[in-house]
């Protein structure tokens, strides 16, 4: 059967590019997932792990940004209060 990757031709180009990028990112684990009895599933798990790593990083950065915004707000409120007192 030659229909193997035909479904990907139905995807928008940008989505196909994203899939290719994920496959490139997990290529570093190729030796590991090639040892699996189901290489495709093992490759998908590697992709999920990489995406999970990205999510954790984004959540950490978001928490830092939220903390910084809260601090800026606190400082601005103090400045506004100081101007009101004058």
N, C-alpha and C. Protein backbone atom coordinates (compact mmCIF):
# COMPACT_ATOMS: atom_id res chain seq x y z
N UNK A 1 0.83 -1.19 0.00
CA UNK A 1 0.00 0.00 0.00
C UNK A 1 0.87 1.25 0.00
N UNK A 2 0.58 2.16 -0.87
CA UNK A 2 1.37 3.39 -0.98
C UNK A 2 0.65 4.56 -0.29
N UNK A 3 -0.44 4.33 0.40
CA UNK A 3 -1.21 5.39 1.05
C UNK A 3 -0.60 5.84 2.38
N UNK A 4 0.54 5.33 2.71
CA UNK A 4 1.15 5.52 4.01
C UNK A 4 1.09 6.95 4.54
N UNK A 5 1.63 7.91 3.81
CA UNK A 5 1.67 9.29 4.28
C UNK A 5 0.74 10.20 3.50
N UNK A 6 -0.18 9.63 2.76
CA UNK A 6 -1.07 10.43 1.93
C UNK A 6 -1.92 11.39 2.77
N UNK A 7 -2.27 11.00 3.99
CA UNK A 7 -3.09 11.86 4.83
C UNK A 7 -2.41 13.20 5.09
N UNK A 8 -1.09 13.22 5.11
CA UNK A 8 -0.37 14.47 5.40
C UNK A 8 -0.48 15.47 4.27
N UNK A 9 -0.73 15.00 3.06
CA UNK A 9 -0.89 15.93 1.94
C UNK A 9 -2.20 16.71 2.07
N UNK A 10 -3.12 16.22 2.90
CA UNK A 10 -4.39 16.92 3.12
C UNK A 10 -4.27 18.02 4.17
N UNK A 11 -3.17 18.03 4.88
CA UNK A 11 -2.98 19.04 5.93
C UNK A 11 -2.50 20.36 5.34
N UNK A 12 -2.81 21.46 6.02
CA UNK A 12 -2.24 22.75 5.59
C UNK A 12 -0.71 22.69 5.72
N UNK A 13 -0.03 23.42 4.88
CA UNK A 13 1.44 23.39 4.84
C UNK A 13 2.05 23.73 6.20
N UNK A 14 1.49 24.72 6.89
CA UNK A 14 2.08 25.12 8.18
C UNK A 14 1.99 23.99 9.20
N UNK A 15 0.93 23.20 9.15
CA UNK A 15 0.79 22.09 10.09
C UNK A 15 1.76 20.97 9.74
N UNK A 16 1.92 20.74 8.47
CA UNK A 16 2.90 19.75 8.01
C UNK A 16 4.30 20.15 8.45
N UNK A 17 4.60 21.44 8.38
CA UNK A 17 5.91 21.94 8.82
C UNK A 17 6.09 21.71 10.32
N UNK A 18 5.04 21.93 11.10
CA UNK A 18 5.12 21.70 12.55
C UNK A 18 5.40 20.22 12.84
N UNK A 19 4.73 19.33 12.14
CA UNK A 19 4.95 17.89 12.32
C UNK A 19 6.39 17.53 11.99
N UNK A 20 6.88 18.05 10.89
CA UNK A 20 8.27 17.78 10.49
C UNK A 20 9.26 18.30 11.53
N UNK A 21 8.97 19.46 12.09
CA UNK A 21 9.85 20.02 13.12
C UNK A 21 9.87 19.12 14.35
N UNK A 22 8.72 18.62 14.76
CA UNK A 22 8.66 17.72 15.92
C UNK A 22 9.43 16.44 15.65
N UNK A 23 9.29 15.91 14.46
CA UNK A 23 10.02 14.69 14.10
C UNK A 23 11.53 14.94 14.14
N UNK A 24 11.95 16.12 13.66
CA UNK A 24 13.38 16.46 13.71
C UNK A 24 13.86 16.58 15.16
N UNK A 25 13.02 17.18 16.01
CA UNK A 25 13.42 17.37 17.42
C UNK A 25 13.63 16.04 18.15
N UNK A 26 12.82 15.05 17.84
CA UNK A 26 12.94 13.77 18.56
C UNK A 26 13.92 12.82 17.88
N UNK A 27 14.50 13.25 16.79
CA UNK A 27 15.46 12.39 16.10
C UNK A 27 16.65 12.05 17.01
N UNK A 28 16.90 12.89 18.01
CA UNK A 28 18.01 12.61 18.93
C UNK A 28 17.74 11.34 19.75
N UNK A 29 16.48 10.92 19.81
CA UNK A 29 16.11 9.71 20.56
C UNK A 29 15.92 8.51 19.63
N UNK A 30 16.35 8.65 18.39
CA UNK A 30 16.11 7.62 17.38
C UNK A 30 16.60 6.24 17.82
N UNK A 31 17.79 6.18 18.40
CA UNK A 31 18.32 4.88 18.84
C UNK A 31 17.38 4.21 19.83
N UNK A 32 16.81 5.01 20.71
CA UNK A 32 15.91 4.45 21.73
C UNK A 32 14.60 3.97 21.12
N UNK A 33 13.94 4.82 20.33
CA UNK A 33 12.64 4.39 19.82
C UNK A 33 12.74 3.34 18.72
N UNK A 34 13.88 3.22 18.09
CA UNK A 34 14.05 2.16 17.09
C UNK A 34 14.09 0.78 17.75
N UNK A 35 14.41 0.72 19.04
CA UNK A 35 14.44 -0.55 19.76
C UNK A 35 13.05 -1.00 20.19
N UNK A 36 12.06 -0.14 20.03
CA UNK A 36 10.70 -0.47 20.45
C UNK A 36 10.05 -1.47 19.49
N UNK A 37 9.11 -2.23 20.01
CA UNK A 37 8.36 -3.15 19.15
C UNK A 37 7.39 -2.37 18.27
N UNK A 38 7.05 -1.14 18.68
CA UNK A 38 6.20 -0.26 17.88
C UNK A 38 6.88 1.10 17.78
N UNK A 39 7.71 1.24 16.76
CA UNK A 39 8.55 2.43 16.61
C UNK A 39 7.71 3.70 16.52
N UNK A 40 6.60 3.66 15.78
CA UNK A 40 5.78 4.86 15.60
C UNK A 40 5.20 5.34 16.92
N UNK A 41 4.72 4.43 17.74
CA UNK A 41 4.17 4.81 19.04
C UNK A 41 5.27 5.35 19.95
N UNK A 42 6.42 4.72 19.93
CA UNK A 42 7.55 5.19 20.74
C UNK A 42 7.96 6.59 20.30
N UNK A 43 7.96 6.84 19.00
CA UNK A 43 8.30 8.15 18.47
C UNK A 43 7.27 9.19 18.93
N UNK A 44 6.01 8.81 18.91
CA UNK A 44 4.95 9.71 19.39
C UNK A 44 5.12 10.03 20.87
N UNK A 45 5.49 9.02 21.67
CA UNK A 45 5.72 9.28 23.09
C UNK A 45 6.89 10.24 23.28
N UNK A 46 7.91 10.11 22.46
CA UNK A 46 9.04 11.05 22.53
C UNK A 46 8.57 12.46 22.18
N UNK A 47 7.71 12.59 21.19
CA UNK A 47 7.17 13.89 20.82
C UNK A 47 6.35 14.47 21.97
N UNK A 48 5.51 13.64 22.58
CA UNK A 48 4.71 14.09 23.72
C UNK A 48 5.62 14.57 24.85
N UNK A 49 6.68 13.84 25.11
CA UNK A 49 7.62 14.23 26.17
C UNK A 49 8.27 15.58 25.85
N UNK A 50 8.66 15.78 24.60
CA UNK A 50 9.25 17.05 24.19
C UNK A 50 8.25 18.20 24.35
N UNK A 51 7.01 17.96 23.95
CA UNK A 51 5.98 19.00 24.09
C UNK A 51 5.71 19.29 25.56
N UNK A 52 5.72 18.25 26.38
CA UNK A 52 5.52 18.44 27.82
C UNK A 52 6.64 19.30 28.41
N UNK A 53 7.85 19.06 27.94
CA UNK A 53 9.00 19.85 28.39
C UNK A 53 8.78 21.32 28.02
N UNK A 54 8.28 21.56 26.81
CA UNK A 54 7.99 22.93 26.36
C UNK A 54 6.92 23.58 27.24
N UNK A 55 5.88 22.82 27.54
CA UNK A 55 4.79 23.35 28.37
C UNK A 55 5.30 23.72 29.75
N UNK A 56 6.13 22.88 30.34
CA UNK A 56 6.69 23.19 31.66
C UNK A 56 7.53 24.46 31.62
N UNK A 57 8.33 24.62 30.57
CA UNK A 57 9.15 25.82 30.43
C UNK A 57 8.26 27.05 30.29
N UNK A 58 7.24 26.96 29.46
CA UNK A 58 6.33 28.10 29.25
C UNK A 58 5.60 28.45 30.55
N UNK A 59 5.15 27.44 31.28
CA UNK A 59 4.47 27.70 32.56
C UNK A 59 5.40 28.37 33.56
N UNK A 60 6.66 27.95 33.58
CA UNK A 60 7.64 28.56 34.48
C UNK A 60 7.85 30.03 34.11
N UNK A 61 8.03 30.28 32.82
CA UNK A 61 8.22 31.66 32.36
C UNK A 61 6.98 32.51 32.64
N UNK A 62 5.81 31.96 32.43
CA UNK A 62 4.57 32.68 32.69
C UNK A 62 4.47 33.05 34.16
N UNK A 63 4.82 32.14 35.04
CA UNK A 63 4.79 32.42 36.48
C UNK A 63 5.76 33.56 36.81
N UNK A 64 6.93 33.55 36.19
CA UNK A 64 7.90 34.63 36.42
C UNK A 64 7.36 35.97 35.93
N UNK A 65 6.74 35.96 34.77
CA UNK A 65 6.17 37.19 34.20
C UNK A 65 5.03 37.70 35.08
N UNK A 66 4.17 36.79 35.53
CA UNK A 66 3.07 37.18 36.42
C UNK A 66 3.60 37.81 37.70
N UNK A 67 4.66 37.21 38.26
CA UNK A 67 5.28 37.75 39.47
C UNK A 67 5.84 39.14 39.21
N UNK A 68 6.51 39.31 38.07
CA UNK A 68 7.07 40.62 37.73
C UNK A 68 5.98 41.67 37.53
N UNK A 69 4.91 41.30 36.87
CA UNK A 69 3.80 42.23 36.65
C UNK A 69 3.17 42.62 37.98
N UNK A 70 3.02 41.66 38.87
CA UNK A 70 2.47 41.94 40.21
C UNK A 70 3.37 42.93 40.96
N UNK A 71 4.69 42.73 40.87
CA UNK A 71 5.64 43.64 41.52
C UNK A 71 5.58 45.04 40.91
N UNK A 72 5.48 45.10 39.58
CA UNK A 72 5.38 46.40 38.90
C UNK A 72 4.10 47.11 39.33
N UNK A 73 3.01 46.37 39.40
CA UNK A 73 1.73 46.95 39.82
C UNK A 73 1.85 47.51 41.24
N UNK A 74 2.48 46.75 42.13
CA UNK A 74 2.67 47.19 43.51
C UNK A 74 3.48 48.49 43.56
N UNK A 75 4.54 48.55 42.77
CA UNK A 75 5.39 49.74 42.73
C UNK A 75 4.61 50.94 42.18
N UNK A 76 3.87 50.70 41.10
CA UNK A 76 3.09 51.79 40.51
C UNK A 76 2.01 52.30 41.46
N UNK A 77 1.40 51.40 42.22
CA UNK A 77 0.40 51.83 43.20
C UNK A 77 1.04 52.68 44.30
N UNK A 78 2.25 52.32 44.72
CA UNK A 78 2.97 53.12 45.72
C UNK A 78 3.31 54.50 45.16
N UNK A 79 3.74 54.55 43.91
CA UNK A 79 4.06 55.83 43.27
C UNK A 79 2.80 56.68 43.16
N UNK A 80 1.69 56.09 42.74
CA UNK A 80 0.42 56.82 42.62
C UNK A 80 -0.02 57.34 43.98
N UNK A 81 0.12 56.54 45.00
CA UNK A 81 -0.24 56.95 46.36
C UNK A 81 0.64 58.13 46.82
N UNK A 82 1.92 58.08 46.50
CA UNK A 82 2.84 59.16 46.87
C UNK A 82 2.44 60.45 46.18
N UNK A 83 2.01 60.40 44.91
CA UNK A 83 1.58 61.60 44.19
C UNK A 83 0.28 62.14 44.76
N UNK A 84 -0.61 61.28 45.19
CA UNK A 84 -1.89 61.71 45.77
C UNK A 84 -1.67 62.45 47.08
N UNK A 85 -0.65 62.04 47.82
CA UNK A 85 -0.38 62.66 49.12
C UNK A 85 0.22 64.05 48.98
N UNK A 86 0.80 64.36 47.84
CA UNK A 86 1.45 65.67 47.63
C UNK A 86 0.45 66.73 47.28
